[in-house]
Amino acid sequence: MNRLTIPAVLFFSFCPLLVAQQPTQATSPSKTTPAEQQVAPSSAVNERILAIKNARTIRISSETQYLTVSTLERALMMQKNWDQLGLNIVANGCYADLEIEVHRLVFTHIHTYVVTDKSTGVVLAAGKVTAFDGVVASGPMAEQIVKILSAARLPAQAVVANSGL
C-alpha cells in the first residue's frame, strides 16, 4: 500500500466531521430589541416569586442519613420569620406546593439543598452549607431557606434579620 493513500483515506473520512463542526452564521439579523431581551429574565424571576408567594405547604426530603428531615424541620421552625411565612410542613409529597431536597456530597462536608415547585418542577432556589455534621449544617441551611422565602413572601420592611436560634 502506498504511504499517501492512508492519509488520503483518513482525510476524506474525517472531512465531513470537520465541516459539520464549523459554526454557522445567522443569515438574517435578530428581530428582538434590547427591551424584549430584558423582559424574558424578569418574567422568569416573577414566575418564581409568584410560585413562592402562592405556596401554602412545603415538603422536606433528605437523600442523606447525616441530615434528617426532622432536624431540618426543627431548624426551620426555630427561625424568627418562620411563623410570618404562613407555610405548613407536610410529610406527604402529594399535598406539597414546594419541596426542599437535601443532599450531602460524597466524602465531603458539603450539604446542598434545592427548593423546587412541585407542580412545574422549576427550581426556585438552591444553596450549600459546609459543616462537619448534619445537625450543625441544619441551622445555616434553615437560615438561608427562610431568608429566600421571606424575600418573596414578606414585605420588605417586615423582613427581620435572621440570626437563627
N, C-alpha and C. Protein backbone atom coordinates (compact mmCIF):
# COMPACT_ATOMS: atom_id res chain seq x y z
N MET A 1 0.83 -1.18 0.00
CA MET A 1 0.00 0.00 0.00
C MET A 1 0.88 1.25 0.00
N ASN A 2 0.48 2.20 -0.70
CA ASN A 2 1.24 3.44 -0.82
C ASN A 2 1.12 4.26 0.45
N ARG A 3 2.17 4.96 0.84
CA ARG A 3 2.14 5.78 2.06
C ARG A 3 1.19 6.96 1.95
N LEU A 4 0.89 7.41 0.80
CA LEU A 4 0.00 8.55 0.62
C LEU A 4 -1.48 8.17 0.66
N THR A 5 -1.80 6.92 0.47
CA THR A 5 -3.21 6.52 0.47
C THR A 5 -3.82 6.55 1.87
N ILE A 6 -3.05 6.20 2.86
CA ILE A 6 -3.57 6.19 4.23
C ILE A 6 -3.96 7.60 4.68
N PRO A 7 -3.09 8.62 4.52
CA PRO A 7 -3.54 9.97 4.89
C PRO A 7 -4.71 10.46 4.03
N ALA A 8 -4.74 10.07 2.77
CA ALA A 8 -5.86 10.50 1.92
C ALA A 8 -7.16 9.88 2.38
N VAL A 9 -7.14 8.61 2.74
CA VAL A 9 -8.35 7.93 3.22
C VAL A 9 -8.80 8.55 4.53
N LEU A 10 -7.88 8.83 5.43
CA LEU A 10 -8.23 9.45 6.70
C LEU A 10 -8.79 10.85 6.49
N PHE A 11 -8.20 11.61 5.57
CA PHE A 11 -8.68 12.97 5.31
C PHE A 11 -10.12 12.95 4.81
N PHE A 12 -10.41 12.09 3.84
CA PHE A 12 -11.75 12.06 3.26
C PHE A 12 -12.77 11.46 4.21
N SER A 13 -12.33 10.61 5.13
CA SER A 13 -13.29 10.04 6.08
C SER A 13 -13.62 11.03 7.20
N PHE A 14 -12.66 11.89 7.58
CA PHE A 14 -12.91 12.87 8.64
C PHE A 14 -13.34 14.24 8.12
N CYS A 15 -13.27 14.46 6.85
CA CYS A 15 -13.64 15.76 6.28
C CYS A 15 -15.10 16.14 6.57
N PRO A 16 -16.08 15.21 6.43
CA PRO A 16 -17.46 15.59 6.78
C PRO A 16 -17.61 15.97 8.25
N LEU A 17 -16.85 15.36 9.13
CA LEU A 17 -16.91 15.71 10.54
C LEU A 17 -16.37 17.12 10.78
N LEU A 18 -15.33 17.49 10.08
CA LEU A 18 -14.77 18.83 10.24
C LEU A 18 -15.72 19.89 9.72
N VAL A 19 -16.39 19.61 8.64
CA VAL A 19 -17.35 20.56 8.07
C VAL A 19 -18.56 20.69 8.99
N ALA A 20 -19.00 19.60 9.59
CA ALA A 20 -20.19 19.63 10.45
C ALA A 20 -19.94 20.40 11.73
N GLN A 21 -18.69 20.48 12.19
CA GLN A 21 -18.40 21.14 13.45
C GLN A 21 -18.13 22.63 13.30
N GLN A 22 -18.09 23.14 12.09
CA GLN A 22 -17.84 24.56 11.91
C GLN A 22 -19.07 25.35 12.30
N PRO A 23 -18.88 26.47 13.01
CA PRO A 23 -20.03 27.27 13.40
C PRO A 23 -20.67 27.94 12.18
N THR A 24 -21.97 28.08 12.24
CA THR A 24 -22.68 28.73 11.15
C THR A 24 -23.12 30.10 11.61
N GLN A 25 -23.17 31.03 10.69
CA GLN A 25 -23.60 32.38 10.99
C GLN A 25 -25.06 32.52 10.60
N ALA A 26 -25.77 33.33 11.35
CA ALA A 26 -27.16 33.60 11.03
C ALA A 26 -27.21 34.45 9.77
N THR A 27 -28.13 34.10 8.87
CA THR A 27 -28.22 34.85 7.62
C THR A 27 -28.98 36.15 7.79
N SER A 28 -29.92 36.17 8.74
CA SER A 28 -30.68 37.40 8.96
C SER A 28 -30.44 37.88 10.38
N PRO A 29 -30.39 39.18 10.59
CA PRO A 29 -30.18 39.70 11.94
C PRO A 29 -31.37 39.41 12.83
N SER A 30 -31.11 39.41 14.12
CA SER A 30 -32.15 39.15 15.11
C SER A 30 -33.18 40.27 15.11
N LYS A 31 -34.45 39.90 15.25
CA LYS A 31 -35.53 40.87 15.23
C LYS A 31 -35.89 41.38 16.62
N THR A 32 -35.26 40.83 17.70
CA THR A 32 -35.61 41.26 19.05
C THR A 32 -34.88 42.53 19.41
N THR A 33 -35.56 43.37 20.13
CA THR A 33 -34.97 44.61 20.59
C THR A 33 -34.35 44.38 21.97
N PRO A 34 -33.47 45.26 22.41
CA PRO A 34 -32.88 45.09 23.76
C PRO A 34 -33.93 45.09 24.86
N ALA A 35 -35.03 45.82 24.68
CA ALA A 35 -36.08 45.83 25.70
C ALA A 35 -36.76 44.47 25.80
N GLU A 36 -36.96 43.80 24.66
CA GLU A 36 -37.59 42.48 24.68
C GLU A 36 -36.67 41.45 25.32
N GLN A 37 -35.36 41.60 25.13
CA GLN A 37 -34.43 40.66 25.73
C GLN A 37 -34.39 40.79 27.24
N GLN A 38 -34.66 41.96 27.78
CA GLN A 38 -34.66 42.15 29.22
C GLN A 38 -35.96 41.67 29.85
N VAL A 39 -37.04 41.55 29.10
CA VAL A 39 -38.33 41.14 29.65
C VAL A 39 -38.30 39.67 30.03
N ALA A 40 -37.63 38.84 29.24
CA ALA A 40 -37.64 37.41 29.49
C ALA A 40 -37.05 37.04 30.85
N PRO A 41 -35.86 37.52 31.23
CA PRO A 41 -35.35 37.14 32.55
C PRO A 41 -36.21 37.66 33.70
N SER A 42 -36.73 38.86 33.59
CA SER A 42 -37.54 39.37 34.68
C SER A 42 -38.86 38.62 34.80
N SER A 43 -39.40 38.15 33.69
CA SER A 43 -40.64 37.38 33.78
C SER A 43 -40.38 36.03 34.43
N ALA A 44 -39.21 35.44 34.20
CA ALA A 44 -38.86 34.19 34.85
C ALA A 44 -38.71 34.39 36.36
N VAL A 45 -38.10 35.49 36.74
CA VAL A 45 -37.95 35.80 38.16
C VAL A 45 -39.32 36.04 38.78
N ASN A 46 -40.18 36.75 38.07
CA ASN A 46 -41.53 36.99 38.58
C ASN A 46 -42.32 35.70 38.74
N GLU A 47 -42.14 34.75 37.83
CA GLU A 47 -42.82 33.46 37.95
C GLU A 47 -42.34 32.71 39.19
N ARG A 48 -41.03 32.76 39.45
CA ARG A 48 -40.50 32.08 40.64
C ARG A 48 -41.01 32.73 41.91
N ILE A 49 -41.03 34.06 41.94
CA ILE A 49 -41.53 34.77 43.12
C ILE A 49 -43.01 34.46 43.33
N LEU A 50 -43.77 34.41 42.25
CA LEU A 50 -45.20 34.10 42.34
C LEU A 50 -45.43 32.68 42.85
N ALA A 51 -44.60 31.74 42.42
CA ALA A 51 -44.72 30.37 42.90
C ALA A 51 -44.45 30.29 44.40
N ILE A 52 -43.48 31.06 44.88
CA ILE A 52 -43.18 31.06 46.33
C ILE A 52 -44.31 31.74 47.09
N LYS A 53 -44.86 32.82 46.55
CA LYS A 53 -45.95 33.53 47.23
C LYS A 53 -47.21 32.69 47.33
N ASN A 54 -47.53 31.92 46.30
CA ASN A 54 -48.77 31.14 46.28
C ASN A 54 -48.66 29.82 47.05
N ALA A 55 -47.48 29.44 47.45
CA ALA A 55 -47.30 28.17 48.15
C ALA A 55 -47.89 28.24 49.56
N ARG A 56 -48.50 27.15 49.97
CA ARG A 56 -49.05 27.04 51.33
C ARG A 56 -48.42 25.90 52.11
N THR A 57 -47.91 24.90 51.41
CA THR A 57 -47.32 23.74 52.08
C THR A 57 -45.93 23.47 51.50
N ILE A 58 -45.11 22.85 52.31
CA ILE A 58 -43.74 22.55 51.91
C ILE A 58 -43.38 21.17 52.42
N ARG A 59 -42.64 20.41 51.62
CA ARG A 59 -42.21 19.07 51.99
C ARG A 59 -40.69 19.04 51.97
N ILE A 60 -40.11 18.35 52.92
CA ILE A 60 -38.67 18.21 53.01
C ILE A 60 -38.31 16.76 52.75
N SER A 61 -37.38 16.53 51.85
CA SER A 61 -36.88 15.17 51.62
C SER A 61 -35.37 15.21 51.71
N SER A 62 -34.80 14.20 52.34
CA SER A 62 -33.36 14.15 52.55
C SER A 62 -32.81 12.89 51.90
N GLU A 63 -31.78 13.06 51.11
CA GLU A 63 -31.12 11.94 50.45
C GLU A 63 -29.89 11.48 51.22
N THR A 64 -29.72 12.01 52.42
CA THR A 64 -28.57 11.65 53.23
C THR A 64 -29.02 11.27 54.63
N GLN A 65 -28.27 10.39 55.24
CA GLN A 65 -28.59 10.00 56.61
C GLN A 65 -27.96 10.94 57.63
N TYR A 66 -27.09 11.83 57.18
CA TYR A 66 -26.41 12.74 58.08
C TYR A 66 -27.24 13.96 58.42
N LEU A 67 -28.20 14.30 57.58
CA LEU A 67 -29.09 15.43 57.85
C LEU A 67 -30.52 14.92 57.64
N THR A 68 -31.20 14.64 58.74
CA THR A 68 -32.53 14.06 58.64
C THR A 68 -33.58 15.15 58.42
N VAL A 69 -34.75 14.68 58.01
CA VAL A 69 -35.87 15.59 57.75
C VAL A 69 -36.29 16.29 59.03
N SER A 70 -36.39 15.56 60.12
CA SER A 70 -36.83 16.16 61.38
C SER A 70 -35.85 17.20 61.89
N THR A 71 -34.56 17.02 61.64
CA THR A 71 -33.56 18.00 62.06
C THR A 71 -33.75 19.32 61.32
N LEU A 72 -33.98 19.25 60.01
CA LEU A 72 -34.19 20.47 59.23
C LEU A 72 -35.55 21.10 59.57
N GLU A 73 -36.55 20.28 59.85
CA GLU A 73 -37.86 20.83 60.27
C GLU A 73 -37.72 21.66 61.54
N ARG A 74 -37.02 21.11 62.54
CA ARG A 74 -36.82 21.84 63.79
C ARG A 74 -36.05 23.13 63.56
N ALA A 75 -35.03 23.05 62.73
CA ALA A 75 -34.22 24.25 62.46
C ALA A 75 -35.04 25.32 61.73
N LEU A 76 -35.91 24.91 60.83
CA LEU A 76 -36.77 25.87 60.13
C LEU A 76 -37.75 26.53 61.09
N MET A 77 -38.34 25.74 61.97
CA MET A 77 -39.34 26.28 62.89
C MET A 77 -38.73 27.19 63.95
N MET A 78 -37.43 27.09 64.18
CA MET A 78 -36.78 27.95 65.17
C MET A 78 -36.34 29.29 64.57
N GLN A 79 -36.47 29.47 63.29
CA GLN A 79 -36.11 30.74 62.66
C GLN A 79 -37.14 31.81 63.01
N LYS A 80 -36.69 33.05 63.07
CA LYS A 80 -37.55 34.15 63.51
C LYS A 80 -38.75 34.38 62.59
N ASN A 81 -38.52 34.38 61.29
CA ASN A 81 -39.58 34.71 60.35
C ASN A 81 -40.43 33.52 59.93
N TRP A 82 -40.20 32.35 60.47
CA TRP A 82 -40.94 31.17 60.01
C TRP A 82 -42.45 31.30 60.25
N ASP A 83 -42.85 31.80 61.40
CA ASP A 83 -44.28 31.94 61.69
C ASP A 83 -44.95 32.94 60.76
N GLN A 84 -44.23 33.98 60.37
CA GLN A 84 -44.79 35.00 59.48
C GLN A 84 -44.96 34.50 58.05
N LEU A 85 -44.22 33.47 57.67
CA LEU A 85 -44.29 32.96 56.30
C LEU A 85 -45.63 32.28 56.00
N GLY A 86 -46.24 31.68 56.98
CA GLY A 86 -47.53 31.02 56.77
C GLY A 86 -47.42 29.72 56.00
N LEU A 87 -46.29 29.03 56.10
CA LEU A 87 -46.11 27.75 55.41
C LEU A 87 -46.27 26.60 56.39
N ASN A 88 -46.90 25.54 55.93
CA ASN A 88 -47.04 24.33 56.73
C ASN A 88 -46.14 23.25 56.15
N ILE A 89 -45.47 22.51 57.02
CA ILE A 89 -44.63 21.40 56.59
C ILE A 89 -45.47 20.14 56.59
N VAL A 90 -45.49 19.44 55.45
CA VAL A 90 -46.27 18.21 55.31
C VAL A 90 -45.32 17.05 55.03
N ALA A 91 -45.77 15.86 55.41
CA ALA A 91 -44.96 14.66 55.20
C ALA A 91 -45.26 14.03 53.84
N ASN A 92 -46.48 14.16 53.35
CA ASN A 92 -46.87 13.55 52.10
C ASN A 92 -46.58 14.52 50.95
N GLY A 93 -45.87 14.06 49.95
CA GLY A 93 -45.50 14.90 48.83
C GLY A 93 -46.65 15.28 47.93
N CYS A 94 -47.77 14.54 48.01
CA CYS A 94 -48.93 14.84 47.15
C CYS A 94 -49.56 16.17 47.51
N TYR A 95 -49.45 16.58 48.77
CA TYR A 95 -50.10 17.80 49.23
C TYR A 95 -49.17 19.01 49.25
N ALA A 96 -47.93 18.82 48.86
CA ALA A 96 -46.94 19.89 48.98
C ALA A 96 -46.95 20.78 47.73
N ASP A 97 -46.78 22.07 47.97
CA ASP A 97 -46.62 23.03 46.87
C ASP A 97 -45.13 23.20 46.54
N LEU A 98 -44.30 23.22 47.56
CA LEU A 98 -42.85 23.35 47.40
C LEU A 98 -42.17 22.13 47.99
N GLU A 99 -40.99 21.82 47.47
CA GLU A 99 -40.21 20.71 48.03
C GLU A 99 -38.77 21.14 48.22
N ILE A 100 -38.22 20.77 49.38
CA ILE A 100 -36.81 21.01 49.67
C ILE A 100 -36.12 19.65 49.64
N GLU A 101 -35.17 19.50 48.74
CA GLU A 101 -34.38 18.27 48.65
C GLU A 101 -33.00 18.56 49.21
N VAL A 102 -32.57 17.72 50.15
CA VAL A 102 -31.29 17.90 50.82
C VAL A 102 -30.37 16.76 50.41
N HIS A 103 -29.14 17.11 50.05
CA HIS A 103 -28.13 16.13 49.67
C HIS A 103 -26.83 16.45 50.40
N ARG A 104 -25.98 15.44 50.49
CA ARG A 104 -24.62 15.63 51.00
C ARG A 104 -23.68 15.01 49.99
N LEU A 105 -22.74 15.79 49.51
CA LEU A 105 -21.78 15.29 48.53
C LEU A 105 -20.91 14.22 49.19
N VAL A 106 -20.65 13.16 48.46
CA VAL A 106 -19.91 12.02 48.99
C VAL A 106 -18.48 12.42 49.34
N PHE A 107 -18.03 11.97 50.49
CA PHE A 107 -16.67 12.19 51.01
C PHE A 107 -16.36 13.67 51.23
N THR A 108 -17.38 14.48 51.46
CA THR A 108 -17.16 15.89 51.76
C THR A 108 -18.03 16.29 52.94
N HIS A 109 -17.91 17.53 53.35
CA HIS A 109 -18.77 18.09 54.39
C HIS A 109 -19.71 19.13 53.80
N ILE A 110 -19.98 19.01 52.51
CA ILE A 110 -20.84 19.97 51.81
C ILE A 110 -22.26 19.41 51.73
N HIS A 111 -23.18 20.14 52.33
CA HIS A 111 -24.60 19.80 52.31
C HIS A 111 -25.29 20.78 51.35
N THR A 112 -26.03 20.26 50.38
CA THR A 112 -26.70 21.11 49.41
C THR A 112 -28.21 20.96 49.54
N TYR A 113 -28.92 21.99 49.10
CA TYR A 113 -30.38 21.92 49.09
C TYR A 113 -30.90 22.57 47.81
N VAL A 114 -32.07 22.10 47.38
CA VAL A 114 -32.74 22.64 46.21
C VAL A 114 -34.21 22.81 46.57
N VAL A 115 -34.75 24.00 46.35
CA VAL A 115 -36.17 24.28 46.57
C VAL A 115 -36.84 24.29 45.20
N THR A 116 -37.82 23.41 44.99
CA THR A 116 -38.50 23.31 43.71
C THR A 116 -39.99 23.48 43.87
N ASP A 117 -40.62 23.91 42.80
CA ASP A 117 -42.08 23.99 42.73
C ASP A 117 -42.57 22.62 42.29
N LYS A 118 -43.42 21.98 43.09
CA LYS A 118 -43.86 20.62 42.80
C LYS A 118 -44.71 20.54 41.53
N SER A 119 -45.53 21.54 41.27
CA SER A 119 -46.43 21.46 40.13
C SER A 119 -45.71 21.62 38.79
N THR A 120 -44.69 22.45 38.74
CA THR A 120 -43.99 22.69 37.49
C THR A 120 -42.61 22.06 37.43
N GLY A 121 -42.02 21.76 38.57
CA GLY A 121 -40.67 21.22 38.60
C GLY A 121 -39.59 22.27 38.44
N VAL A 122 -39.95 23.53 38.52
CA VAL A 122 -38.99 24.63 38.36
C VAL A 122 -38.19 24.78 39.64
N VAL A 123 -36.88 24.92 39.49
CA VAL A 123 -36.00 25.16 40.63
C VAL A 123 -36.15 26.62 41.05
N LEU A 124 -36.56 26.84 42.29
CA LEU A 124 -36.78 28.19 42.80
C LEU A 124 -35.56 28.74 43.51
N ALA A 125 -34.83 27.89 44.18
CA ALA A 125 -33.64 28.32 44.90
C ALA A 125 -32.74 27.11 45.15
N ALA A 126 -31.47 27.38 45.36
CA ALA A 126 -30.51 26.33 45.68
C ALA A 126 -29.38 26.95 46.47
N GLY A 127 -28.72 26.11 47.25
CA GLY A 127 -27.62 26.61 48.05
C GLY A 127 -26.82 25.48 48.66
N LYS A 128 -25.78 25.86 49.37
CA LYS A 128 -24.95 24.85 50.02
C LYS A 128 -24.44 25.38 51.35
N VAL A 129 -24.16 24.44 52.23
CA VAL A 129 -23.61 24.75 53.55
C VAL A 129 -22.49 23.75 53.80
N THR A 130 -21.37 24.24 54.29
CA THR A 130 -20.26 23.37 54.63
C THR A 130 -20.22 23.24 56.14
N ALA A 131 -20.43 22.02 56.62
CA ALA A 131 -20.41 21.75 58.06
C ALA A 131 -20.04 20.29 58.27
N PHE A 132 -19.44 20.00 59.40
CA PHE A 132 -18.98 18.65 59.70
C PHE A 132 -20.14 17.68 59.86
N ASP A 133 -21.23 18.14 60.45
CA ASP A 133 -22.35 17.28 60.80
C ASP A 133 -23.64 17.88 60.24
N GLY A 134 -24.65 17.03 60.04
CA GLY A 134 -25.94 17.49 59.55
C GLY A 134 -26.67 18.37 60.54
N VAL A 135 -26.47 18.10 61.83
CA VAL A 135 -27.11 18.92 62.86
C VAL A 135 -26.54 20.33 62.83
N VAL A 136 -25.23 20.44 62.64
CA VAL A 136 -24.59 21.74 62.55
C VAL A 136 -24.99 22.44 61.25
N ALA A 137 -25.13 21.69 60.18
CA ALA A 137 -25.48 22.27 58.88
C ALA A 137 -26.94 22.72 58.82
N SER A 138 -27.80 22.15 59.64
CA SER A 138 -29.23 22.46 59.56
C SER A 138 -29.53 23.91 59.92
N GLY A 139 -28.79 24.50 60.86
CA GLY A 139 -29.02 25.89 61.25
C GLY A 139 -28.77 26.89 60.14
N PRO A 140 -27.56 26.91 59.57
CA PRO A 140 -27.32 27.84 58.47
C PRO A 140 -28.17 27.55 57.23
N MET A 141 -28.46 26.26 57.00
CA MET A 141 -29.31 25.91 55.86
C MET A 141 -30.72 26.46 56.05
N ALA A 142 -31.26 26.29 57.23
CA ALA A 142 -32.60 26.82 57.52
C ALA A 142 -32.61 28.33 57.44
N GLU A 143 -31.54 28.97 57.89
CA GLU A 143 -31.46 30.43 57.81
C GLU A 143 -31.47 30.91 56.36
N GLN A 144 -30.72 30.22 55.50
CA GLN A 144 -30.71 30.59 54.08
C GLN A 144 -32.08 30.38 53.43
N ILE A 145 -32.72 29.27 53.75
CA ILE A 145 -34.03 28.96 53.15
C ILE A 145 -35.07 29.98 53.58
N VAL A 146 -35.11 30.30 54.86
CA VAL A 146 -36.09 31.27 55.36
C VAL A 146 -35.82 32.66 54.79
N LYS A 147 -34.56 33.00 54.61
CA LYS A 147 -34.23 34.30 54.02
C LYS A 147 -34.74 34.38 52.58
N ILE A 148 -34.61 33.30 51.82
CA ILE A 148 -35.09 33.27 50.44
C ILE A 148 -36.61 33.35 50.40
N LEU A 149 -37.27 32.57 51.25
CA LEU A 149 -38.73 32.57 51.28
C LEU A 149 -39.27 33.90 51.79
N SER A 150 -38.59 34.50 52.76
CA SER A 150 -39.04 35.78 53.30
C SER A 150 -38.93 36.90 52.27
N ALA A 151 -37.90 36.87 51.47
CA ALA A 151 -37.73 37.90 50.46
C ALA A 151 -38.87 37.89 49.45
N ALA A 152 -39.44 36.73 49.19
CA ALA A 152 -40.53 36.63 48.22
C ALA A 152 -41.91 36.80 48.86
N ARG A 153 -42.07 36.33 50.08
CA ARG A 153 -43.40 36.30 50.68
C ARG A 153 -43.73 37.48 51.57
N LEU A 154 -42.74 38.07 52.20
CA LEU A 154 -42.99 39.14 53.16
C LEU A 154 -42.67 40.50 52.55
N PRO A 155 -43.36 41.54 52.99
CA PRO A 155 -42.99 42.89 52.53
C PRO A 155 -41.57 43.23 52.98
N ALA A 156 -40.94 44.12 52.28
CA ALA A 156 -39.53 44.44 52.54
C ALA A 156 -39.29 44.95 53.95
N GLN A 157 -40.21 45.74 54.50
CA GLN A 157 -39.99 46.28 55.82
C GLN A 157 -40.24 45.24 56.92
N ALA A 158 -40.95 44.15 56.61
CA ALA A 158 -41.25 43.13 57.62
C ALA A 158 -40.16 42.08 57.73
N VAL A 159 -39.23 42.05 56.77
CA VAL A 159 -38.18 41.05 56.81
C VAL A 159 -37.17 41.45 57.87
N VAL A 160 -37.07 40.62 58.90
CA VAL A 160 -36.16 40.87 60.01
C VAL A 160 -34.91 40.03 59.78
N ALA A 161 -33.77 40.52 60.22
CA ALA A 161 -32.53 39.77 60.06
C ALA A 161 -32.65 38.45 60.82
N ASN A 162 -32.37 37.36 60.14
CA ASN A 162 -32.45 36.04 60.73
C ASN A 162 -31.15 35.69 61.42
N SER A 163 -31.17 35.67 62.72
CA SER A 163 -29.98 35.23 63.43
C SER A 163 -30.10 33.78 63.86
N GLY A 164 -31.25 33.17 63.58
CA GLY A 164 -31.42 31.75 63.86
C GLY A 164 -31.96 31.51 65.24
N LEU A 165 -31.25 30.72 66.00
CA LEU A 165 -31.71 30.28 67.30
C LEU A 165 -31.79 31.45 68.21
